[in-house]
C-alpha atoms as a PDB file:
ATOM      1  CA  MET A   1     -28.608   8.824 -53.436  1.00  0.00           C
ATOM      2  CA  LEU A   2     -26.122  11.481 -54.553  1.00  0.00           C
ATOM      3  CA  LEU A   3     -26.577  14.845 -52.913  1.00  0.00           C
ATOM      4  CA  THR A   4     -25.145  17.998 -54.275  1.00  0.00           C
ATOM      5  CA  ALA A   5     -25.052  21.606 -52.793  1.00  0.00           C
ATOM      6  CA  SER A   6     -24.702  24.850 -54.473  1.00  0.00           C
ATOM      7  CA  VAL A   7     -22.210  27.498 -53.247  1.00  0.00           C
ATOM      8  CA  GLY A   8     -25.180  29.411 -52.310  1.00  0.00           C
ATOM      9  CA  GLU A   9     -26.536  26.713 -50.134  1.00  0.00           C
ATOM     10  CA  MET A  10     -23.120  26.442 -48.481  1.00  0.00           C
ATOM     11  CA  ALA A  11     -23.137  30.224 -47.851  1.00  0.00           C
ATOM     12  CA  HIS A  12     -26.530  29.687 -46.388  1.00  0.00           C
ATOM     13  CA  LEU A  13     -25.195  27.153 -43.879  1.00  0.00           C
ATOM     14  CA  ALA A  14     -22.330  29.680 -43.144  1.00  0.00           C
ATOM     15  CA  GLY A  15     -25.087  32.320 -42.422  1.00  0.00           C
ATOM     16  CA  MET A  16     -26.556  29.973 -39.869  1.00  0.00           C
ATOM     17  CA  GLY A  17     -23.226  29.805 -38.150  1.00  0.00           C
ATOM     18  CA  VAL A  18     -22.316  26.183 -39.174  1.00  0.00           C
ATOM     19  CA  PRO A  19     -18.445  25.837 -39.497  1.00  0.00           C
ATOM     20  CA  PHE A  20     -17.611  23.867 -42.755  1.00  0.00           C
ATOM     21  CA  LYS A  21     -14.839  22.009 -41.173  1.00  0.00           C
ATOM     22  CA  ARG A  22     -17.122  20.589 -38.551  1.00  0.00           C
ATOM     23  CA  ILE A  23     -19.691  19.263 -41.050  1.00  0.00           C
ATOM     24  CA  ASN A  24     -19.323  15.734 -41.375  1.00  0.00           C
ATOM     25  CA  LEU A  25     -22.736  13.880 -40.388  1.00  0.00           C
ATOM     26  CA  GLY A  26     -24.205  10.682 -41.662  1.00  0.00           C
ATOM     27  CA  GLY A  27     -21.550  10.126 -44.128  1.00  0.00           C
ATOM     28  CA  LEU A  28     -21.943  13.572 -45.621  1.00  0.00           C
ATOM     29  CA  HIS A  29     -18.570  15.412 -46.265  1.00  0.00           C
ATOM     30  CA  TYR A  30     -18.569  19.150 -46.974  1.00  0.00           C
ATOM     31  CA  SER A  31     -15.506  20.436 -48.946  1.00  0.00           C
ATOM     32  CA  SER A  32     -14.632  23.109 -51.552  1.00  0.00           C
ATOM     33  CA  GLY A  33     -18.319  24.298 -51.702  1.00  0.00           C
ATOM     34  CA  LYS A  34     -19.472  20.621 -52.618  1.00  0.00           C
ATOM     35  CA  LYS A  35     -21.311  17.919 -50.700  1.00  0.00           C
ATOM     36  CA  GLU A  36     -20.302  14.445 -51.306  1.00  0.00           C
ATOM     37  CA  MET A  37     -21.492  10.990 -50.015  1.00  0.00           C
ATOM     38  CA  LEU A  38     -18.514   9.181 -48.587  1.00  0.00           C
ATOM     39  CA  PRO A  39     -18.316   5.271 -49.275  1.00  0.00           C
END
C-alpha cells in the first residue's frame, strides 16, 4: 500500500509538535512534504 500526505497534513503534524526529521516509523519516511514507503 502506498501512502501519500499533503502539505496540509504535514503542517498538521508540525502543529502537533512532531519534528519532521524524527519521523521515521514503520518504514515510513517523511521528506519534502511527502510520505513514502521505503523498501
